């Protein structure tokens, strides 16, 4: 999975002067963001975000990298079970 970050703030054409696109640029200016996160945060369709990313890449304003893989599986189940047990055992 790829992540995207803004290398330079682009001059936007009229078709990209909506709040959703500015939100994409703001997120990418601060950190690497996945395509799924960009779609979720902006509310744009996946194809619109991909098209916008392609435009940024053509202008040289986009940095891409492979997303780092998690080093260990994250599971909150043990914590959840512990909280349930502690609530059941605690006097009310």
N, C-alpha and C. Protein backbone atom coordinates (compact mmCIF):
# COMPACT_ATOMS: atom_id res chain seq x y z
N UNK A 1 0.84 -1.16 0.00
CA UNK A 1 0.00 0.00 0.00
C UNK A 1 0.89 1.24 0.00
N UNK A 2 0.51 2.22 -0.75
CA UNK A 2 1.29 3.46 -0.87
C UNK A 2 0.73 4.53 0.06
N UNK A 3 1.62 5.43 0.44
CA UNK A 3 1.25 6.61 1.19
C UNK A 3 1.77 7.83 0.44
N UNK A 4 1.11 8.94 0.62
CA UNK A 4 1.40 10.14 -0.17
C UNK A 4 1.65 11.33 0.76
N UNK A 5 2.60 12.16 0.33
CA UNK A 5 2.90 13.38 1.07
C UNK A 5 3.17 14.49 0.07
N UNK A 6 2.81 15.68 0.43
CA UNK A 6 2.97 16.83 -0.45
C UNK A 6 4.40 17.35 -0.39
N UNK A 7 5.02 17.49 -1.55
CA UNK A 7 6.40 18.00 -1.62
C UNK A 7 6.40 19.53 -1.71
N UNK A 8 5.42 20.09 -2.40
CA UNK A 8 5.30 21.54 -2.56
C UNK A 8 3.83 21.88 -2.77
N UNK A 9 3.43 23.00 -2.22
CA UNK A 9 2.02 23.41 -2.36
C UNK A 9 1.78 23.87 -3.80
N UNK A 10 0.84 23.23 -4.50
CA UNK A 10 0.61 23.58 -5.91
C UNK A 10 -0.36 24.76 -6.06
N UNK A 11 -0.29 25.40 -7.22
CA UNK A 11 -1.32 26.37 -7.59
C UNK A 11 -2.50 25.56 -8.13
N UNK A 12 -3.64 25.72 -7.51
CA UNK A 12 -4.80 24.93 -7.89
C UNK A 12 -5.60 25.60 -8.99
N UNK A 13 -6.05 24.80 -9.93
CA UNK A 13 -6.95 25.29 -10.96
C UNK A 13 -8.35 25.42 -10.38
N UNK A 14 -9.27 26.02 -11.13
CA UNK A 14 -10.62 26.23 -10.61
C UNK A 14 -11.35 24.94 -10.24
N UNK A 15 -11.03 23.83 -10.92
CA UNK A 15 -11.72 22.58 -10.63
C UNK A 15 -11.28 21.98 -9.29
N UNK A 16 -10.16 22.46 -8.72
CA UNK A 16 -9.65 21.92 -7.45
C UNK A 16 -9.71 22.94 -6.32
N UNK A 17 -10.52 23.94 -6.43
CA UNK A 17 -10.59 24.97 -5.38
C UNK A 17 -11.71 24.71 -4.38
N UNK A 18 -12.08 23.46 -4.23
CA UNK A 18 -13.10 23.09 -3.24
C UNK A 18 -12.44 22.73 -1.92
N UNK A 19 -13.22 22.78 -0.87
CA UNK A 19 -12.72 22.47 0.47
C UNK A 19 -12.14 21.06 0.55
N UNK A 20 -12.74 20.10 -0.13
CA UNK A 20 -12.27 18.72 -0.08
C UNK A 20 -10.82 18.61 -0.57
N UNK A 21 -10.48 19.31 -1.63
CA UNK A 21 -9.12 19.26 -2.16
C UNK A 21 -8.14 19.98 -1.24
N UNK A 22 -8.58 21.06 -0.66
CA UNK A 22 -7.71 21.76 0.30
C UNK A 22 -7.46 20.90 1.52
N UNK A 23 -8.46 20.13 1.93
CA UNK A 23 -8.30 19.21 3.05
C UNK A 23 -7.26 18.13 2.71
N UNK A 24 -7.32 17.61 1.47
CA UNK A 24 -6.33 16.63 1.03
C UNK A 24 -4.92 17.22 1.12
N UNK A 25 -4.77 18.42 0.58
CA UNK A 25 -3.45 19.07 0.58
C UNK A 25 -2.96 19.33 2.00
N UNK A 26 -3.85 19.76 2.86
CA UNK A 26 -3.48 20.02 4.25
C UNK A 26 -2.99 18.75 4.94
N UNK A 27 -3.73 17.66 4.78
CA UNK A 27 -3.33 16.39 5.39
C UNK A 27 -1.98 15.92 4.85
N UNK A 28 -1.81 16.00 3.53
CA UNK A 28 -0.57 15.53 2.92
C UNK A 28 0.61 16.46 3.21
N UNK A 29 0.35 17.71 3.57
CA UNK A 29 1.44 18.62 3.89
C UNK A 29 2.04 18.32 5.26
N UNK A 30 1.30 17.60 6.10
CA UNK A 30 1.75 17.35 7.45
C UNK A 30 2.34 15.96 7.67
N UNK A 31 1.90 14.98 6.86
CA UNK A 31 2.36 13.61 7.06
C UNK A 31 2.05 12.77 5.84
N UNK A 32 2.60 11.56 5.80
CA UNK A 32 2.25 10.61 4.74
C UNK A 32 0.85 10.06 5.04
N UNK A 33 0.02 9.98 4.00
CA UNK A 33 -1.37 9.55 4.17
C UNK A 33 -1.71 8.52 3.11
N UNK A 34 -2.47 7.49 3.50
CA UNK A 34 -2.87 6.46 2.54
C UNK A 34 -4.05 6.94 1.70
N UNK A 35 -4.28 6.25 0.61
CA UNK A 35 -5.40 6.58 -0.27
C UNK A 35 -6.73 6.44 0.48
N UNK A 36 -6.86 5.40 1.27
CA UNK A 36 -8.10 5.20 2.03
C UNK A 36 -8.35 6.35 3.00
N UNK A 37 -7.30 6.81 3.68
CA UNK A 37 -7.45 7.93 4.61
C UNK A 37 -7.84 9.21 3.87
N UNK A 38 -7.23 9.42 2.71
CA UNK A 38 -7.55 10.61 1.92
C UNK A 38 -9.01 10.60 1.48
N UNK A 39 -9.49 9.46 1.04
CA UNK A 39 -10.89 9.34 0.61
C UNK A 39 -11.83 9.59 1.79
N UNK A 40 -11.50 9.00 2.93
CA UNK A 40 -12.36 9.13 4.10
C UNK A 40 -12.42 10.57 4.60
N UNK A 41 -11.26 11.21 4.71
CA UNK A 41 -11.20 12.57 5.24
C UNK A 41 -11.82 13.61 4.32
N UNK A 42 -11.65 13.41 3.01
CA UNK A 42 -12.12 14.43 2.06
C UNK A 42 -13.58 14.24 1.67
N UNK A 43 -14.05 13.00 1.71
CA UNK A 43 -15.40 12.72 1.24
C UNK A 43 -15.49 12.57 -0.27
N UNK A 44 -14.35 12.60 -0.94
CA UNK A 44 -14.32 12.44 -2.40
C UNK A 44 -14.31 10.96 -2.76
N UNK A 45 -14.74 10.67 -3.97
CA UNK A 45 -14.70 9.31 -4.48
C UNK A 45 -13.24 8.90 -4.72
N UNK A 46 -13.00 7.62 -4.67
CA UNK A 46 -11.65 7.08 -4.84
C UNK A 46 -11.03 7.52 -6.18
N UNK A 47 -11.84 7.51 -7.24
CA UNK A 47 -11.32 7.90 -8.56
C UNK A 47 -10.95 9.38 -8.59
N UNK A 48 -11.70 10.23 -7.87
CA UNK A 48 -11.37 11.65 -7.82
C UNK A 48 -10.05 11.88 -7.09
N UNK A 49 -9.85 11.16 -6.00
CA UNK A 49 -8.60 11.31 -5.25
C UNK A 49 -7.43 10.80 -6.07
N UNK A 50 -7.62 9.66 -6.74
CA UNK A 50 -6.54 9.13 -7.59
C UNK A 50 -6.19 10.12 -8.71
N UNK A 51 -7.19 10.70 -9.32
CA UNK A 51 -6.96 11.67 -10.39
C UNK A 51 -6.20 12.89 -9.86
N UNK A 52 -6.58 13.35 -8.68
CA UNK A 52 -5.91 14.49 -8.07
C UNK A 52 -4.46 14.15 -7.74
N UNK A 53 -4.22 12.94 -7.22
CA UNK A 53 -2.86 12.51 -6.93
C UNK A 53 -2.02 12.43 -8.20
N UNK A 54 -2.63 11.96 -9.28
CA UNK A 54 -1.91 11.89 -10.57
C UNK A 54 -1.53 13.29 -11.05
N UNK A 55 -2.43 14.24 -10.87
CA UNK A 55 -2.15 15.63 -11.25
C UNK A 55 -0.98 16.18 -10.45
N UNK A 56 -0.99 15.91 -9.13
CA UNK A 56 0.11 16.37 -8.28
C UNK A 56 1.43 15.71 -8.68
N UNK A 57 1.38 14.42 -9.01
CA UNK A 57 2.59 13.70 -9.41
C UNK A 57 3.16 14.27 -10.71
N UNK A 58 2.29 14.61 -11.66
CA UNK A 58 2.74 15.20 -12.92
C UNK A 58 3.46 16.53 -12.70
N UNK A 59 3.00 17.28 -11.71
CA UNK A 59 3.60 18.58 -11.41
C UNK A 59 4.84 18.44 -10.54
N UNK A 60 5.14 17.24 -10.07
CA UNK A 60 6.30 17.04 -9.19
C UNK A 60 6.06 17.49 -7.77
N UNK A 61 4.79 17.55 -7.37
CA UNK A 61 4.45 18.03 -6.03
C UNK A 61 4.10 16.91 -5.07
N UNK A 62 4.39 15.67 -5.43
CA UNK A 62 3.96 14.54 -4.62
C UNK A 62 5.12 13.60 -4.32
N UNK A 63 5.20 13.18 -3.07
CA UNK A 63 6.17 12.18 -2.64
C UNK A 63 5.38 10.93 -2.29
N UNK A 64 5.80 9.78 -2.81
CA UNK A 64 5.12 8.53 -2.47
C UNK A 64 6.11 7.59 -1.78
N UNK A 65 5.57 6.73 -0.94
CA UNK A 65 6.37 5.70 -0.29
C UNK A 65 5.48 4.50 -0.02
N UNK A 66 6.11 3.36 0.17
CA UNK A 66 5.37 2.18 0.60
C UNK A 66 5.07 2.33 2.08
N UNK A 67 3.85 2.02 2.47
CA UNK A 67 3.45 2.14 3.87
C UNK A 67 4.24 1.16 4.72
N UNK A 68 4.71 1.59 5.87
CA UNK A 68 5.42 0.67 6.75
C UNK A 68 4.46 -0.40 7.28
N UNK A 69 4.96 -1.61 7.40
CA UNK A 69 4.15 -2.71 7.91
C UNK A 69 4.28 -2.73 9.43
N UNK A 70 3.22 -3.11 10.07
CA UNK A 70 3.23 -3.20 11.54
C UNK A 70 4.19 -4.30 11.96
N UNK A 71 4.99 -4.02 12.99
CA UNK A 71 5.95 -4.99 13.47
C UNK A 71 5.34 -6.08 14.33
N UNK A 72 4.18 -5.82 14.91
CA UNK A 72 3.52 -6.80 15.76
C UNK A 72 2.02 -6.61 15.60
N UNK A 73 1.28 -7.67 15.75
CA UNK A 73 -0.17 -7.55 15.59
C UNK A 73 -0.79 -6.84 16.79
N UNK A 74 -1.58 -5.86 16.50
CA UNK A 74 -2.23 -5.09 17.55
C UNK A 74 -3.59 -5.69 17.84
N UNK A 75 -3.79 -6.08 19.06
CA UNK A 75 -5.08 -6.62 19.46
C UNK A 75 -5.46 -6.01 20.79
N UNK A 76 -6.65 -5.47 20.86
CA UNK A 76 -7.14 -4.89 22.11
C UNK A 76 -7.99 -5.87 22.90
N UNK A 77 -8.12 -7.08 22.41
CA UNK A 77 -8.96 -8.07 23.08
C UNK A 77 -8.52 -8.33 24.52
N UNK A 78 -7.22 -8.53 24.82
CA UNK A 78 -6.84 -8.77 26.22
C UNK A 78 -7.22 -7.60 27.13
N UNK A 79 -7.03 -6.39 26.66
CA UNK A 79 -7.39 -5.22 27.46
C UNK A 79 -8.89 -5.17 27.68
N UNK A 80 -9.65 -5.42 26.63
CA UNK A 80 -11.12 -5.41 26.74
C UNK A 80 -11.59 -6.46 27.73
N UNK A 81 -11.02 -7.67 27.66
CA UNK A 81 -11.40 -8.73 28.59
C UNK A 81 -11.05 -8.36 30.03
N UNK A 82 -9.89 -7.76 30.22
CA UNK A 82 -9.48 -7.35 31.56
C UNK A 82 -10.44 -6.29 32.12
N UNK A 83 -10.82 -5.34 31.28
CA UNK A 83 -11.75 -4.29 31.73
C UNK A 83 -13.11 -4.88 32.09
N UNK A 84 -13.59 -5.81 31.30
CA UNK A 84 -14.87 -6.46 31.60
C UNK A 84 -14.81 -7.17 32.95
N UNK A 85 -13.72 -7.95 33.15
CA UNK A 85 -13.58 -8.69 34.40
C UNK A 85 -13.48 -7.75 35.59
N UNK A 86 -12.73 -6.67 35.44
CA UNK A 86 -12.56 -5.76 36.56
C UNK A 86 -13.87 -5.03 36.89
N UNK A 87 -14.70 -4.78 35.89
CA UNK A 87 -15.99 -4.16 36.16
C UNK A 87 -16.93 -5.12 36.84
N UNK A 88 -16.86 -6.39 36.48
CA UNK A 88 -17.71 -7.38 37.12
C UNK A 88 -17.32 -7.65 38.56
N UNK A 89 -16.03 -7.57 38.87
CA UNK A 89 -15.55 -7.87 40.20
C UNK A 89 -15.57 -6.69 41.14
N UNK A 90 -15.63 -5.50 40.60
CA UNK A 90 -15.59 -4.31 41.46
C UNK A 90 -16.91 -4.11 42.19
N UNK A 91 -16.86 -3.76 43.48
CA UNK A 91 -18.11 -3.53 44.24
C UNK A 91 -18.76 -2.23 43.78
N UNK A 92 -20.06 -2.24 43.80
CA UNK A 92 -20.80 -1.04 43.37
C UNK A 92 -21.40 -0.32 44.52
